[in-house]
């Protein structure tokens, strides 16, 4: 399993637009082949900063999503809203405690 973490920072005036786009597409992203988990987080103190966490069966599945029409549609609406360059990490989960 691969975990994808993406940090995004938005202009304050663009946050509602981002959230609306995420709301519209979150179920489609989660249903994409190979995606097993999707969450959106908002920084408690810097409320213009958001993180997505998603779990993928493999790097190939993540790359298939990143090259899909769905991703291109979501990203084309998200990218203009940033006030800083997004950062992304692909990591392997080493431990998880419930």
N, C-alpha and C. Protein backbone atom coordinates (compact mmCIF):
# COMPACT_ATOMS: atom_id res chain seq x y z
N UNK A 1 0.84 -1.19 0.00
CA UNK A 1 0.00 0.00 0.00
C UNK A 1 0.88 1.24 0.00
N UNK A 2 0.40 2.25 -0.71
CA UNK A 2 1.08 3.54 -0.79
C UNK A 2 0.16 4.61 -0.20
N UNK A 3 0.72 5.49 0.60
CA UNK A 3 -0.03 6.60 1.16
C UNK A 3 0.43 7.87 0.45
N UNK A 4 -0.53 8.64 -0.01
CA UNK A 4 -0.23 9.91 -0.70
C UNK A 4 -0.70 11.05 0.18
N UNK A 5 0.21 11.96 0.49
CA UNK A 5 -0.09 13.14 1.29
C UNK A 5 0.16 14.36 0.42
N UNK A 6 -0.83 15.22 0.33
CA UNK A 6 -0.68 16.44 -0.48
C UNK A 6 -1.03 17.63 0.41
N UNK A 7 -0.11 18.59 0.46
CA UNK A 7 -0.31 19.84 1.21
C UNK A 7 -0.64 20.94 0.20
N UNK A 8 -1.75 21.65 0.48
CA UNK A 8 -2.20 22.71 -0.42
C UNK A 8 -2.51 23.96 0.40
N UNK A 9 -2.10 25.10 -0.12
CA UNK A 9 -2.37 26.38 0.54
C UNK A 9 -3.13 27.27 -0.44
N UNK A 10 -4.21 27.88 0.05
CA UNK A 10 -5.09 28.66 -0.80
C UNK A 10 -5.21 30.10 -0.34
N UNK A 11 -5.52 30.97 -1.29
CA UNK A 11 -5.94 32.32 -0.93
C UNK A 11 -7.22 32.18 -0.11
N UNK A 12 -7.35 32.99 0.92
CA UNK A 12 -8.54 32.91 1.79
C UNK A 12 -9.83 33.05 1.00
N UNK A 13 -9.81 33.89 -0.01
CA UNK A 13 -11.03 34.13 -0.80
C UNK A 13 -11.37 32.95 -1.72
N UNK A 14 -10.48 31.98 -1.84
CA UNK A 14 -10.68 30.84 -2.75
C UNK A 14 -11.02 29.54 -2.02
N UNK A 15 -11.02 29.57 -0.68
CA UNK A 15 -11.22 28.34 0.09
C UNK A 15 -12.59 27.72 -0.18
N UNK A 16 -13.64 28.50 -0.19
CA UNK A 16 -14.98 27.94 -0.42
C UNK A 16 -15.08 27.29 -1.80
N UNK A 17 -14.42 27.88 -2.78
CA UNK A 17 -14.41 27.29 -4.12
C UNK A 17 -13.70 25.95 -4.11
N UNK A 18 -12.56 25.88 -3.41
CA UNK A 18 -11.86 24.60 -3.28
C UNK A 18 -12.73 23.56 -2.60
N UNK A 19 -13.34 23.93 -1.47
CA UNK A 19 -14.16 22.98 -0.72
C UNK A 19 -15.35 22.49 -1.54
N UNK A 20 -15.95 23.36 -2.32
CA UNK A 20 -17.06 22.95 -3.18
C UNK A 20 -16.59 21.95 -4.24
N UNK A 21 -15.44 22.20 -4.82
CA UNK A 21 -14.88 21.29 -5.83
C UNK A 21 -14.55 19.94 -5.20
N UNK A 22 -13.96 19.97 -4.01
CA UNK A 22 -13.64 18.71 -3.32
C UNK A 22 -14.93 17.94 -3.02
N UNK A 23 -15.93 18.63 -2.52
CA UNK A 23 -17.21 17.99 -2.19
C UNK A 23 -17.82 17.32 -3.42
N UNK A 24 -17.76 17.99 -4.54
CA UNK A 24 -18.31 17.46 -5.78
C UNK A 24 -17.58 16.19 -6.24
N UNK A 25 -16.28 16.12 -5.98
CA UNK A 25 -15.46 15.06 -6.57
C UNK A 25 -14.94 14.00 -5.60
N UNK A 26 -15.12 14.19 -4.30
CA UNK A 26 -14.50 13.28 -3.33
C UNK A 26 -14.96 11.83 -3.50
N UNK A 27 -16.22 11.61 -3.78
CA UNK A 27 -16.73 10.25 -3.94
C UNK A 27 -16.15 9.60 -5.20
N UNK A 28 -15.99 10.39 -6.25
CA UNK A 28 -15.40 9.86 -7.49
C UNK A 28 -13.94 9.50 -7.29
N UNK A 29 -13.22 10.35 -6.56
CA UNK A 29 -11.81 10.07 -6.28
C UNK A 29 -11.69 8.79 -5.46
N UNK A 30 -12.48 8.71 -4.39
CA UNK A 30 -12.44 7.54 -3.51
C UNK A 30 -12.82 6.27 -4.26
N UNK A 31 -13.72 6.37 -5.26
CA UNK A 31 -14.16 5.20 -6.02
C UNK A 31 -13.20 4.83 -7.14
N UNK A 32 -12.17 5.66 -7.36
CA UNK A 32 -11.22 5.37 -8.44
C UNK A 32 -10.51 4.05 -8.13
N UNK A 33 -10.30 3.26 -9.16
CA UNK A 33 -9.68 1.95 -8.97
C UNK A 33 -8.33 2.08 -8.26
N UNK A 34 -8.20 1.33 -7.18
CA UNK A 34 -6.94 1.32 -6.43
C UNK A 34 -6.94 2.26 -5.23
N UNK A 35 -7.92 3.15 -5.13
CA UNK A 35 -7.99 4.06 -3.99
C UNK A 35 -8.83 3.40 -2.89
N UNK A 36 -8.26 3.30 -1.70
CA UNK A 36 -8.93 2.62 -0.60
C UNK A 36 -9.31 3.54 0.55
N UNK A 37 -8.89 4.80 0.48
CA UNK A 37 -9.11 5.70 1.61
C UNK A 37 -8.85 7.12 1.14
N UNK A 38 -9.66 8.05 1.61
CA UNK A 38 -9.45 9.46 1.27
C UNK A 38 -9.95 10.33 2.41
N UNK A 39 -9.09 11.23 2.86
CA UNK A 39 -9.49 12.19 3.88
C UNK A 39 -8.95 13.56 3.52
N UNK A 40 -9.67 14.58 3.99
CA UNK A 40 -9.24 15.97 3.83
C UNK A 40 -9.09 16.55 5.23
N UNK A 41 -7.96 17.22 5.46
CA UNK A 41 -7.68 17.87 6.73
C UNK A 41 -7.45 19.35 6.51
N UNK A 42 -7.74 20.13 7.56
CA UNK A 42 -7.50 21.58 7.53
C UNK A 42 -6.64 21.93 8.73
N UNK A 43 -5.58 22.69 8.49
CA UNK A 43 -4.71 23.10 9.58
C UNK A 43 -5.50 23.89 10.62
N UNK A 44 -5.28 23.58 11.86
CA UNK A 44 -6.04 24.18 12.96
C UNK A 44 -5.74 25.68 13.12
N UNK A 45 -4.51 26.09 12.85
CA UNK A 45 -4.11 27.48 13.06
C UNK A 45 -3.96 28.26 11.76
N UNK A 46 -3.45 27.62 10.73
CA UNK A 46 -3.31 28.24 9.41
C UNK A 46 -4.43 27.68 8.54
N UNK A 47 -5.61 28.28 8.65
CA UNK A 47 -6.81 27.67 8.07
C UNK A 47 -6.89 27.74 6.55
N UNK A 48 -5.89 28.33 5.92
CA UNK A 48 -5.83 28.30 4.47
C UNK A 48 -5.01 27.11 3.96
N UNK A 49 -4.49 26.29 4.89
CA UNK A 49 -3.69 25.12 4.52
C UNK A 49 -4.52 23.86 4.73
N UNK A 50 -4.52 23.01 3.69
CA UNK A 50 -5.26 21.75 3.70
C UNK A 50 -4.33 20.61 3.31
N UNK A 51 -4.70 19.41 3.73
CA UNK A 51 -3.96 18.20 3.39
C UNK A 51 -4.95 17.15 2.92
N UNK A 52 -4.59 16.42 1.90
CA UNK A 52 -5.34 15.21 1.57
C UNK A 52 -4.45 14.02 1.89
N UNK A 53 -5.08 12.99 2.43
CA UNK A 53 -4.42 11.71 2.67
C UNK A 53 -5.22 10.69 1.87
N UNK A 54 -4.54 9.94 1.05
CA UNK A 54 -5.21 8.87 0.31
C UNK A 54 -4.34 7.63 0.32
N UNK A 55 -5.00 6.49 0.36
CA UNK A 55 -4.32 5.20 0.35
C UNK A 55 -4.58 4.55 -0.99
N UNK A 56 -3.50 4.03 -1.59
CA UNK A 56 -3.57 3.41 -2.91
C UNK A 56 -2.98 2.02 -2.85
N UNK A 57 -3.54 1.11 -3.63
CA UNK A 57 -3.02 -0.25 -3.69
C UNK A 57 -1.58 -0.27 -4.16
N UNK A 58 -1.25 0.61 -5.11
CA UNK A 58 0.10 0.62 -5.67
C UNK A 58 0.41 1.98 -6.28
N UNK A 59 1.66 2.20 -6.57
CA UNK A 59 2.07 3.43 -7.24
C UNK A 59 1.46 3.50 -8.64
N UNK A 60 1.30 2.35 -9.29
CA UNK A 60 0.66 2.33 -10.60
C UNK A 60 -0.78 2.83 -10.52
N UNK A 61 -1.50 2.43 -9.47
CA UNK A 61 -2.88 2.91 -9.30
C UNK A 61 -2.91 4.43 -9.10
N UNK A 62 -2.00 4.95 -8.28
CA UNK A 62 -1.92 6.39 -8.08
C UNK A 62 -1.60 7.08 -9.40
N UNK A 63 -0.65 6.56 -10.14
CA UNK A 63 -0.28 7.18 -11.42
C UNK A 63 -1.42 7.11 -12.42
N UNK A 64 -2.17 6.01 -12.41
CA UNK A 64 -3.35 5.93 -13.30
C UNK A 64 -4.33 7.03 -12.96
N UNK A 65 -4.54 7.28 -11.67
CA UNK A 65 -5.42 8.38 -11.26
C UNK A 65 -4.84 9.72 -11.70
N UNK A 66 -3.56 9.93 -11.48
CA UNK A 66 -2.92 11.21 -11.80
C UNK A 66 -2.93 11.51 -13.30
N UNK A 67 -3.10 10.48 -14.13
CA UNK A 67 -3.17 10.67 -15.58
C UNK A 67 -4.60 10.57 -16.11
N UNK A 68 -5.56 10.48 -15.20
CA UNK A 68 -6.96 10.28 -15.62
C UNK A 68 -7.65 11.61 -15.93
N UNK A 69 -8.76 11.50 -16.64
CA UNK A 69 -9.59 12.68 -16.92
C UNK A 69 -10.15 13.26 -15.62
N UNK A 70 -10.46 12.40 -14.65
CA UNK A 70 -10.97 12.88 -13.37
C UNK A 70 -9.95 13.79 -12.70
N UNK A 71 -8.71 13.33 -12.59
CA UNK A 71 -7.67 14.15 -11.97
C UNK A 71 -7.48 15.46 -12.73
N UNK A 72 -7.41 15.37 -14.04
CA UNK A 72 -7.20 16.58 -14.85
C UNK A 72 -8.32 17.58 -14.62
N UNK A 73 -9.55 17.10 -14.49
CA UNK A 73 -10.68 17.98 -14.24
C UNK A 73 -10.59 18.63 -12.86
N UNK A 74 -10.32 17.81 -11.84
CA UNK A 74 -10.22 18.33 -10.47
C UNK A 74 -9.06 19.30 -10.35
N UNK A 75 -7.92 18.91 -10.88
CA UNK A 75 -6.71 19.72 -10.73
C UNK A 75 -6.81 21.03 -11.51
N UNK A 76 -7.46 21.02 -12.65
CA UNK A 76 -7.58 22.25 -13.44
C UNK A 76 -8.40 23.30 -12.70
N UNK A 77 -9.31 22.86 -11.83
CA UNK A 77 -10.12 23.80 -11.04
C UNK A 77 -9.43 24.17 -9.72
N UNK A 78 -8.55 23.30 -9.25
CA UNK A 78 -7.87 23.52 -7.97
C UNK A 78 -6.61 24.37 -8.13
N UNK A 79 -5.83 24.09 -9.13
CA UNK A 79 -4.53 24.74 -9.31
C UNK A 79 -4.58 26.27 -9.29
N UNK A 80 -5.55 26.92 -9.95
CA UNK A 80 -5.58 28.39 -9.95
C UNK A 80 -5.89 29.00 -8.58
N UNK A 81 -6.32 28.19 -7.62
CA UNK A 81 -6.72 28.70 -6.31
C UNK A 81 -5.57 28.78 -5.32
N UNK A 82 -4.43 28.16 -5.65
CA UNK A 82 -3.29 28.11 -4.73
C UNK A 82 -2.66 29.48 -4.52
N UNK A 83 -2.14 29.69 -3.31
CA UNK A 83 -1.32 30.87 -3.04
C UNK A 83 0.13 30.47 -2.77
N UNK A 84 0.42 29.17 -2.87
CA UNK A 84 1.77 28.64 -2.73
C UNK A 84 1.82 27.32 -3.50
N UNK A 85 3.01 26.93 -3.87
CA UNK A 85 3.17 25.68 -4.61
C UNK A 85 2.76 24.49 -3.72
N UNK A 86 1.90 23.60 -4.24
CA UNK A 86 1.53 22.43 -3.44
C UNK A 86 2.73 21.50 -3.26
N UNK A 87 2.68 20.73 -2.20
CA UNK A 87 3.72 19.74 -1.94
C UNK A 87 3.05 18.37 -1.83
N UNK A 88 3.73 17.34 -2.30
CA UNK A 88 3.16 15.99 -2.26
C UNK A 88 4.24 14.98 -1.90
N UNK A 89 3.81 13.99 -1.14
CA UNK A 89 4.69 12.90 -0.74
C UNK A 89 3.98 11.58 -0.96
N UNK A 90 4.72 10.60 -1.46
CA UNK A 90 4.25 9.22 -1.52
C UNK A 90 5.06 8.45 -0.49
N UNK A 91 4.38 7.85 0.48
CA UNK A 91 5.08 7.20 1.58
C UNK A 91 4.53 5.80 1.79
N UNK A 92 5.33 4.96 2.43
CA UNK A 92 4.90 3.64 2.83
C UNK A 92 4.54 3.67 4.31
N UNK A 93 3.39 3.13 4.64
CA UNK A 93 2.98 3.06 6.04
C UNK A 93 3.79 1.97 6.73
N UNK A 94 4.43 2.33 7.83
CA UNK A 94 5.23 1.37 8.55
C UNK A 94 4.51 0.82 9.78
N UNK A 95 3.64 1.61 10.37
CA UNK A 95 2.90 1.16 11.54
C UNK A 95 1.58 1.91 11.62
N UNK A 96 0.57 1.26 12.17
CA UNK A 96 -0.73 1.89 12.37
C UNK A 96 -1.34 1.31 13.64
N UNK A 97 -1.78 2.17 14.53
CA UNK A 97 -2.39 1.74 15.78
C UNK A 97 -3.81 2.30 15.84
N UNK A 98 -4.75 1.47 16.23
CA UNK A 98 -6.14 1.93 16.40
C UNK A 98 -6.36 2.36 17.82
